[in-house]
């Protein structure tokens, strides 16, 4: 019985952990950063390059709109 109660407490603690969202929890959106995107004028086919003035990361968009989410945490970024 004690093992069941301890297991239940651990499961609840993990489910309510604030770090879970940063680790890719279910249903969580990536954190937004205060990026200030500006179009660089460079394009690759239909993709337009945008550069963030805050973190310096480059991102591309095919829709003509600047990215919404910061790309600095992606692999291979600055």
PDB file of N, CA and C in Angstrom:
ATOM      1  N   UNK A   1       0.832  -1.193   0.000  1.00  0.00           N
ATOM      2  CA  UNK A   1       0.000   0.000   0.000  1.00  0.00           C
ATOM      3  C   UNK A   1       0.874   1.254   0.000  1.00  0.00           C
ATOM      4  N   UNK A   2       1.946   1.228   0.784  1.00  0.00           N
ATOM      5  CA  UNK A   2       2.839   2.383   0.851  1.00  0.00           C
ATOM      6  C   UNK A   2       3.513   2.630  -0.499  1.00  0.00           C
ATOM      7  N   UNK A   3       3.881   1.567  -1.179  1.00  0.00           N
ATOM      8  CA  UNK A   3       4.510   1.709  -2.497  1.00  0.00           C
ATOM      9  C   UNK A   3       3.539   2.334  -3.490  1.00  0.00           C
ATOM     10  N   UNK A   4       2.271   1.979  -3.414  1.00  0.00           N
ATOM     11  CA  UNK A   4       1.263   2.550  -4.302  1.00  0.00           C
ATOM     12  C   UNK A   4       1.115   4.053  -4.057  1.00  0.00           C
ATOM     13  N   UNK A   5       1.069   4.456  -2.801  1.00  0.00           N
ATOM     14  CA  UNK A   5       0.929   5.869  -2.450  1.00  0.00           C
ATOM     15  C   UNK A   5       2.164   6.647  -2.919  1.00  0.00           C
ATOM     16  N   UNK A   6       3.354   6.098  -2.702  1.00  0.00           N
ATOM     17  CA  UNK A   6       4.571   6.782  -3.151  1.00  0.00           C
ATOM     18  C   UNK A   6       4.610   6.903  -4.671  1.00  0.00           C
ATOM     19  N   UNK A   7       4.216   5.868  -5.383  1.00  0.00           N
ATOM     20  CA  UNK A   7       4.178   5.919  -6.841  1.00  0.00           C
ATOM     21  C   UNK A   7       3.187   6.971  -7.316  1.00  0.00           C
ATOM     22  N   UNK A   8       2.061   7.074  -6.674  1.00  0.00           N
ATOM     23  CA  UNK A   8       1.056   8.067  -7.027  1.00  0.00           C
ATOM     24  C   UNK A   8       1.577   9.484  -6.793  1.00  0.00           C
ATOM     25  N   UNK A   9       2.276   9.696  -5.688  1.00  0.00           N
ATOM     26  CA  UNK A   9       2.853  11.010  -5.391  1.00  0.00           C
ATOM     27  C   UNK A   9       3.892  11.392  -6.455  1.00  0.00           C
ATOM     28  N   UNK A  10       4.723  10.453  -6.861  1.00  0.00           N
ATOM     29  CA  UNK A  10       5.743  10.725  -7.885  1.00  0.00           C
ATOM     30  C   UNK A  10       5.084  11.071  -9.218  1.00  0.00           C
ATOM     31  N   UNK A  11       4.066  10.342  -9.604  1.00  0.00           N
ATOM     32  CA  UNK A  11       3.372  10.602 -10.862  1.00  0.00           C
ATOM     33  C   UNK A  11       2.743  11.995 -10.860  1.00  0.00           C
ATOM     34  N   UNK A  12       2.110  12.364  -9.761  1.00  0.00           N
ATOM     35  CA  UNK A  12       1.486  13.684  -9.661  1.00  0.00           C
ATOM     36  C   UNK A  12       2.556  14.776  -9.684  1.00  0.00           C
ATOM     37  N   UNK A  13       3.667  14.568  -9.000  1.00  0.00           N
ATOM     38  CA  UNK A  13       4.742  15.563  -8.978  1.00  0.00           C
ATOM     39  C   UNK A  13       5.332  15.780 -10.367  1.00  0.00           C
ATOM     40  N   UNK A  14       5.527  14.710 -11.112  1.00  0.00           N
ATOM     41  CA  UNK A  14       6.061  14.832 -12.475  1.00  0.00           C
ATOM     42  C   UNK A  14       5.055  15.537 -13.373  1.00  0.00           C
ATOM     43  N   UNK A  15       3.793  15.219 -13.241  1.00  0.00           N
ATOM     44  CA  UNK A  15       2.758  15.819 -14.084  1.00  0.00           C
ATOM     45  C   UNK A  15       2.612  17.313 -13.825  1.00  0.00           C
ATOM     46  N   UNK A  16       2.832  17.755 -12.605  1.00  0.00           N
ATOM     47  CA  UNK A  16       2.677  19.166 -12.254  1.00  0.00           C
ATOM     48  C   UNK A  16       3.981  19.948 -12.280  1.00  0.00           C
ATOM     49  N   UNK A  17       5.061  19.318 -12.686  1.00  0.00           N
ATOM     50  CA  UNK A  17       6.357  19.970 -12.701  1.00  0.00           C
ATOM     51  C   UNK A  17       6.382  21.143 -13.681  1.00  0.00           C
ATOM     52  N   UNK A  18       6.838  22.326 -13.252  1.00  0.00           N
ATOM     53  CA  UNK A  18       6.899  23.482 -14.159  1.00  0.00           C
ATOM     54  C   UNK A  18       7.932  23.296 -15.262  1.00  0.00           C
ATOM     55  N   UNK A  19       8.924  22.458 -15.085  1.00  0.00           N
ATOM     56  CA  UNK A  19       9.946  22.217 -16.100  1.00  0.00           C
ATOM     57  C   UNK A  19       9.420  21.357 -17.238  1.00  0.00           C
ATOM     58  N   UNK A  20       8.306  20.705 -17.050  1.00  0.00           N
ATOM     59  CA  UNK A  20       7.782  19.784 -18.058  1.00  0.00           C
ATOM     60  C   UNK A  20       7.492  20.492 -19.375  1.00  0.00           C
ATOM     61  N   UNK A  21       7.006  21.740 -19.334  1.00  0.00           N
ATOM     62  CA  UNK A  21       6.711  22.490 -20.550  1.00  0.00           C
ATOM     63  C   UNK A  21       7.952  22.781 -21.363  1.00  0.00           C
ATOM     64  N   UNK A  22       9.067  23.042 -20.709  1.00  0.00           N
ATOM     65  CA  UNK A  22      10.313  23.335 -21.415  1.00  0.00           C
ATOM     66  C   UNK A  22      10.942  22.078 -21.984  1.00  0.00           C
ATOM     67  N   UNK A  23      10.577  20.935 -21.457  1.00  0.00           N
ATOM     68  CA  UNK A  23      11.166  19.678 -21.901  1.00  0.00           C
ATOM     69  C   UNK A  23      10.326  19.025 -22.999  1.00  0.00           C
ATOM     70  N   UNK A  24       9.330  19.725 -23.515  1.00  0.00           N
ATOM     71  CA  UNK A  24       8.524  19.156 -24.587  1.00  0.00           C
ATOM     72  C   UNK A  24       7.313  18.402 -24.083  1.00  0.00           C
ATOM     73  N   UNK A  25       6.662  18.934 -23.059  1.00  0.00           N
ATOM     74  CA  UNK A  25       5.477  18.289 -22.526  1.00  0.00           C
ATOM     75  C   UNK A  25       4.358  18.253 -23.551  1.00  0.00           C
ATOM     76  N   UNK A  26       3.431  17.382 -23.350  1.00  0.00           N
ATOM     77  CA  UNK A  26       2.331  17.194 -24.287  1.00  0.00           C
ATOM     78  C   UNK A  26       1.460  18.446 -24.307  1.00  0.00           C
ATOM     79  N   UNK A  27       1.166  18.951 -25.510  1.00  0.00           N
ATOM     80  CA  UNK A  27       0.276  20.092 -25.651  1.00  0.00           C
ATOM     81  C   UNK A  27       0.911  21.440 -25.364  1.00  0.00           C
ATOM     82  N   UNK A  28       2.187  21.483 -25.126  1.00  0.00           N
ATOM     83  CA  UNK A  28       2.849  22.748 -24.822  1.00  0.00           C
ATOM     84  C   UNK A  28       3.403  23.355 -26.098  1.00  0.00           C
ATOM     85  N   UNK A  29       3.258  24.665 -26.245  1.00  0.00           N
ATOM     86  CA  UNK A  29       3.828  25.373 -27.385  1.00  0.00           C
ATOM     87  C   UNK A  29       5.235  25.828 -27.020  1.00  0.00           C
ATOM     88  N   UNK A  30       6.110  25.975 -28.004  1.00  0.00           N
ATOM     89  CA  UNK A  30       7.448  26.491 -27.719  1.00  0.00           C
ATOM     90  C   UNK A  30       7.368  27.913 -27.160  1.00  0.00           C
ATOM     91  N   UNK A  31       8.284  28.229 -26.297  1.00  0.00           N
ATOM     92  CA  UNK A  31       8.279  29.554 -25.685  1.00  0.00           C
ATOM     93  C   UNK A  31       8.556  30.622 -26.721  1.00  0.00           C
ATOM     94  N   UNK A  32       7.817  31.716 -26.639  1.00  0.00           N
ATOM     95  CA  UNK A  32       8.053  32.840 -27.535  1.00  0.00           C
ATOM     96  C   UNK A  32       9.088  33.752 -26.903  1.00  0.00           C
ATOM     97  N   UNK A  33       9.900  34.341 -27.720  1.00  0.00           N
ATOM     98  CA  UNK A  33      10.896  35.293 -27.261  1.00  0.00           C
ATOM     99  C   UNK A  33      10.585  36.624 -27.918  1.00  0.00           C
ATOM    100  N   UNK A  34      11.075  37.683 -27.351  1.00  0.00           N
ATOM    101  CA  UNK A  34      10.824  39.014 -27.892  1.00  0.00           C
ATOM    102  C   UNK A  34      11.727  39.286 -29.088  1.00  0.00           C
ATOM    103  N   UNK A  35      11.611  38.460 -30.122  1.00  0.00           N
ATOM    104  CA  UNK A  35      12.415  38.651 -31.324  1.00  0.00           C
ATOM    105  C   UNK A  35      11.866  39.816 -32.133  1.00  0.00           C
ATOM    106  N   UNK A  36      12.770  40.543 -32.737  1.00  0.00           N
ATOM    107  CA  UNK A  36      12.414  41.648 -33.616  1.00  0.00           C
ATOM    108  C   UNK A  36      12.920  41.301 -35.001  1.00  0.00           C
ATOM    109  N   UNK A  37      12.054  40.694 -35.814  1.00  0.00           N
ATOM    110  CA  UNK A  37      12.433  40.188 -37.124  1.00  0.00           C
ATOM    111  C   UNK A  37      12.438  41.309 -38.145  1.00  0.00           C
ATOM    112  N   UNK A  38      13.470  41.313 -38.992  1.00  0.00           N
ATOM    113  CA  UNK A  38      13.520  42.241 -40.111  1.00  0.00           C
ATOM    114  C   UNK A  38      13.953  41.477 -41.354  1.00  0.00           C
ATOM    115  N   UNK A  39      13.348  41.830 -42.475  1.00  0.00           N
ATOM    116  CA  UNK A  39      13.654  41.165 -43.732  1.00  0.00           C
ATOM    117  C   UNK A  39      15.036  41.605 -44.203  1.00  0.00           C
ATOM    118  N   UNK A  40      15.864  40.635 -44.599  1.00  0.00           N
ATOM    119  CA  UNK A  40      17.234  40.953 -45.020  1.00  0.00           C
ATOM    120  C   UNK A  40      17.332  41.282 -46.502  1.00  0.00           C
ATOM    121  N   UNK A  41      16.319  40.907 -47.265  1.00  0.00           N
ATOM    122  CA  UNK A  41      16.364  41.124 -48.703  1.00  0.00           C
ATOM    123  C   UNK A  41      16.918  39.925 -49.455  1.00  0.00           C
ATOM    124  N   UNK A  42      17.486  38.987 -48.745  1.00  0.00           N
ATOM    125  CA  UNK A  42      17.990  37.762 -49.371  1.00  0.00           C
ATOM    126  C   UNK A  42      16.836  36.784 -49.521  1.00  0.00           C
ATOM    127  N   UNK A  43      16.809  36.110 -50.639  1.00  0.00           N
ATOM    128  CA  UNK A  43      15.787  35.093 -50.818  1.00  0.00           C
ATOM    129  C   UNK A  43      16.397  33.881 -51.492  1.00  0.00           C
ATOM    130  N   UNK A  44      15.788  32.753 -51.241  1.00  0.00           N
ATOM    131  CA  UNK A  44      16.219  31.492 -51.815  1.00  0.00           C
ATOM    132  C   UNK A  44      14.980  30.865 -52.444  1.00  0.00           C
ATOM    133  N   UNK A  45      14.755  31.152 -53.713  1.00  0.00           N
ATOM    134  CA  UNK A  45      13.525  30.693 -54.342  1.00  0.00           C
ATOM    135  C   UNK A  45      12.358  31.473 -53.800  1.00  0.00           C
ATOM    136  N   UNK A  46      11.407  30.790 -53.227  1.00  0.00           N
ATOM    137  CA  UNK A  46      10.237  31.482 -52.668  1.00  0.00           C
ATOM    138  C   UNK A  46      10.396  31.816 -51.192  1.00  0.00           C
ATOM    139  N   UNK A  47      11.511  31.427 -50.598  1.00  0.00           N
ATOM    140  CA  UNK A  47      11.735  31.691 -49.180  1.00  0.00           C
ATOM    141  C   UNK A  47      12.443  33.027 -48.987  1.00  0.00           C
ATOM    142  N   UNK A  48      11.953  33.825 -48.056  1.00  0.00           N
ATOM    143  CA  UNK A  48      12.540  35.124 -47.736  1.00  0.00           C
ATOM    144  C   UNK A  48      13.250  35.002 -46.393  1.00  0.00           C
ATOM    145  N   UNK A  49      14.454  35.559 -46.305  1.00  0.00           N
ATOM    146  CA  UNK A  49      15.233  35.479 -45.069  1.00  0.00           C
ATOM    147  C   UNK A  49      14.875  36.629 -44.141  1.00  0.00           C
ATOM    148  N   UNK A  50      14.725  36.297 -42.876  1.00  0.00           N
ATOM    149  CA  UNK A  50      14.500  37.278 -41.812  1.00  0.00           C
ATOM    150  C   UNK A  50      15.603  37.094 -40.783  1.00  0.00           C
ATOM    151  N   UNK A  51      16.064  38.187 -40.180  1.00  0.00           N
ATOM    152  CA  UNK A  51      17.081  38.114 -39.139  1.00  0.00           C
ATOM    153  C   UNK A  51      16.542  38.819 -37.898  1.00  0.00           C
ATOM    154  N   UNK A  52      16.765  38.189 -36.739  1.00  0.00           N
ATOM    155  CA  UNK A  52      16.309  38.755 -35.464  1.00  0.00           C
ATOM    156  C   UNK A  52      17.336  39.750 -34.942  1.00  0.00           C
ATOM    157  N   UNK A  53      16.881  40.947 -34.611  1.00  0.00           N
ATOM    158  CA  UNK A  53      17.775  41.967 -34.077  1.00  0.00           C
ATOM    159  C   UNK A  53      18.155  41.676 -32.629  1.00  0.00           C
ATOM    160  N   UNK A  54      17.339  40.895 -31.919  1.00  0.00           N
ATOM    161  CA  UNK A  54      17.597  40.607 -30.504  1.00  0.00           C
ATOM    162  C   UNK A  54      18.610  39.484 -30.311  1.00  0.00           C
ATOM    163  N   UNK A  55      18.466  38.372 -31.064  1.00  0.00           N
ATOM    164  CA  UNK A  55      19.353  37.226 -30.835  1.00  0.00           C
ATOM    165  C   UNK A  55      20.222  36.890 -32.043  1.00  0.00           C
ATOM    166  N   UNK A  56      20.001  37.524 -33.201  1.00  0.00           N
ATOM    167  CA  UNK A  56      20.862  37.350 -34.357  1.00  0.00           C
ATOM    168  C   UNK A  56      20.605  36.113 -35.196  1.00  0.00           C
ATOM    169  N   UNK A  57      19.548  35.380 -34.920  1.00  0.00           N
ATOM    170  CA  UNK A  57      19.260  34.141 -35.645  1.00  0.00           C
ATOM    171  C   UNK A  57      18.563  34.473 -36.962  1.00  0.00           C
ATOM    172  N   UNK A  58      18.905  33.725 -38.010  1.00  0.00           N
ATOM    173  CA  UNK A  58      18.242  33.872 -39.300  1.00  0.00           C
ATOM    174  C   UNK A  58      17.153  32.815 -39.418  1.00  0.00           C
ATOM    175  N   UNK A  59      16.040  33.191 -40.045  1.00  0.00           N
ATOM    176  CA  UNK A  59      14.934  32.265 -40.291  1.00  0.00           C
ATOM    177  C   UNK A  59      14.349  32.593 -41.654  1.00  0.00           C
ATOM    178  N   UNK A  60      13.670  31.630 -42.223  1.00  0.00           N
ATOM    179  CA  UNK A  60      13.101  31.797 -43.557  1.00  0.00           C
ATOM    180  C   UNK A  60      11.594  31.595 -43.511  1.00  0.00           C
ATOM    181  N   UNK A  61      10.893  32.309 -44.383  1.00  0.00           N
ATOM    182  CA  UNK A  61       9.443  32.199 -44.446  1.00  0.00           C
ATOM    183  C   UNK A  61       9.002  32.193 -45.905  1.00  0.00           C
ATOM    184  N   UNK A  62       8.043  31.350 -46.204  1.00  0.00           N
ATOM    185  CA  UNK A  62       7.483  31.294 -47.550  1.00  0.00           C
ATOM    186  C   UNK A  62       6.150  32.030 -47.617  1.00  0.00           C
ATOM    187  N   UNK A  63       5.643  32.474 -46.474  1.00  0.00           N
ATOM    188  CA  UNK A  63       4.335  33.117 -46.432  1.00  0.00           C
ATOM    189  C   UNK A  63       4.413  34.628 -46.590  1.00  0.00           C
ATOM    190  N   UNK A  64       5.604  35.191 -46.462  1.00  0.00           N
ATOM    191  CA  UNK A  64       5.748  36.641 -46.529  1.00  0.00           C
ATOM    192  C   UNK A  64       5.610  37.310 -45.170  1.00  0.00           C
ATOM    193  N   UNK A  65       5.290  36.533 -44.143  1.00  0.00           N
ATOM    194  CA  UNK A  65       5.185  37.061 -42.779  1.00  0.00           C
ATOM    195  C   UNK A  65       6.417  36.653 -41.995  1.00  0.00           C
ATOM    196  N   UNK A  66       6.841  37.501 -41.080  1.00  0.00           N
ATOM    197  CA  UNK A  66       7.987  37.190 -40.225  1.00  0.00           C
ATOM    198  C   UNK A  66       7.644  36.025 -39.302  1.00  0.00           C
ATOM    199  N   UNK A  67       8.645  35.252 -38.869  1.00  0.00           N
ATOM    200  CA  UNK A  67       8.389  34.154 -37.933  1.00  0.00           C
ATOM    201  C   UNK A  67       7.795  34.666 -36.618  1.00  0.00           C
ATOM    202  N   UNK A  68       7.081  33.795 -35.942  1.00  0.00           N
ATOM    203  CA  UNK A  68       6.457  34.151 -34.660  1.00  0.00           C
ATOM    204  C   UNK A  68       7.305  33.647 -33.502  1.00  0.00           C
ATOM    205  N   UNK A  69       7.895  32.474 -33.649  1.00  0.00           N
ATOM    206  CA  UNK A  69       8.629  31.825 -32.572  1.00  0.00           C
ATOM    207  C   UNK A  69      10.124  31.978 -32.801  1.00  0.00           C
ATOM    208  N   UNK A  70      10.861  32.244 -31.737  1.00  0.00           N
ATOM    209  CA  UNK A  70      12.313  32.371 -31.803  1.00  0.00           C
ATOM    210  C   UNK A  70      12.931  31.045 -32.236  1.00  0.00           C
ATOM    211  N   UNK A  71      13.894  31.118 -33.117  1.00  0.00           N
ATOM    212  CA  UNK A  71      14.543  29.924 -33.652  1.00  0.00           C
ATOM    213  C   UNK A  71      15.911  29.669 -33.029  1.00  0.00           C
ATOM    214  N   UNK A  72      16.293  30.422 -32.011  1.00  0.00           N
ATOM    215  CA  UNK A  72      17.643  30.309 -31.445  1.00  0.00           C
ATOM    216  C   UNK A  72      17.887  28.980 -30.728  1.00  0.00           C
ATOM    217  N   UNK A  73      16.832  28.274 -30.350  1.00  0.00           N
ATOM    218  CA  UNK A  73      17.030  27.007 -29.647  1.00  0.00           C
ATOM    219  C   UNK A  73      17.063  25.807 -30.604  1.00  0.00           C
ATOM    220  N   UNK A  74      16.973  26.060 -31.913  1.00  0.00           N
ATOM    221  CA  UNK A  74      17.034  24.969 -32.879  1.00  0.00           C
ATOM    222  C   UNK A  74      18.474  24.561 -33.128  1.00  0.00           C
ATOM    223  N   UNK A  75      18.690  23.313 -33.513  1.00  0.00           N
ATOM    224  CA  UNK A  75      20.031  22.811 -33.803  1.00  0.00           C
ATOM    225  C   UNK A  75      20.632  23.586 -34.976  1.00  0.00           C
ATOM    226  N   UNK A  76      21.894  23.956 -34.846  1.00  0.00           N
ATOM    227  CA  UNK A  76      22.599  24.626 -35.929  1.00  0.00           C
ATOM    228  C   UNK A  76      22.392  26.128 -35.958  1.00  0.00           C
ATOM    229  N   UNK A  77      21.661  26.690 -34.997  1.00  0.00           N
ATOM    230  CA  UNK A  77      21.468  28.141 -34.987  1.00  0.00           C
ATOM    231  C   UNK A  77      22.619  28.803 -34.273  1.00  0.00           C
ATOM    232  N   UNK A  78      22.698  30.119 -34.401  1.00  0.00           N
ATOM    233  CA  UNK A  78      23.792  30.897 -33.811  1.00  0.00           C
ATOM    234  C   UNK A  78      23.705  30.865 -32.311  1.00  0.00           C
TER     235      UNK A  78
END
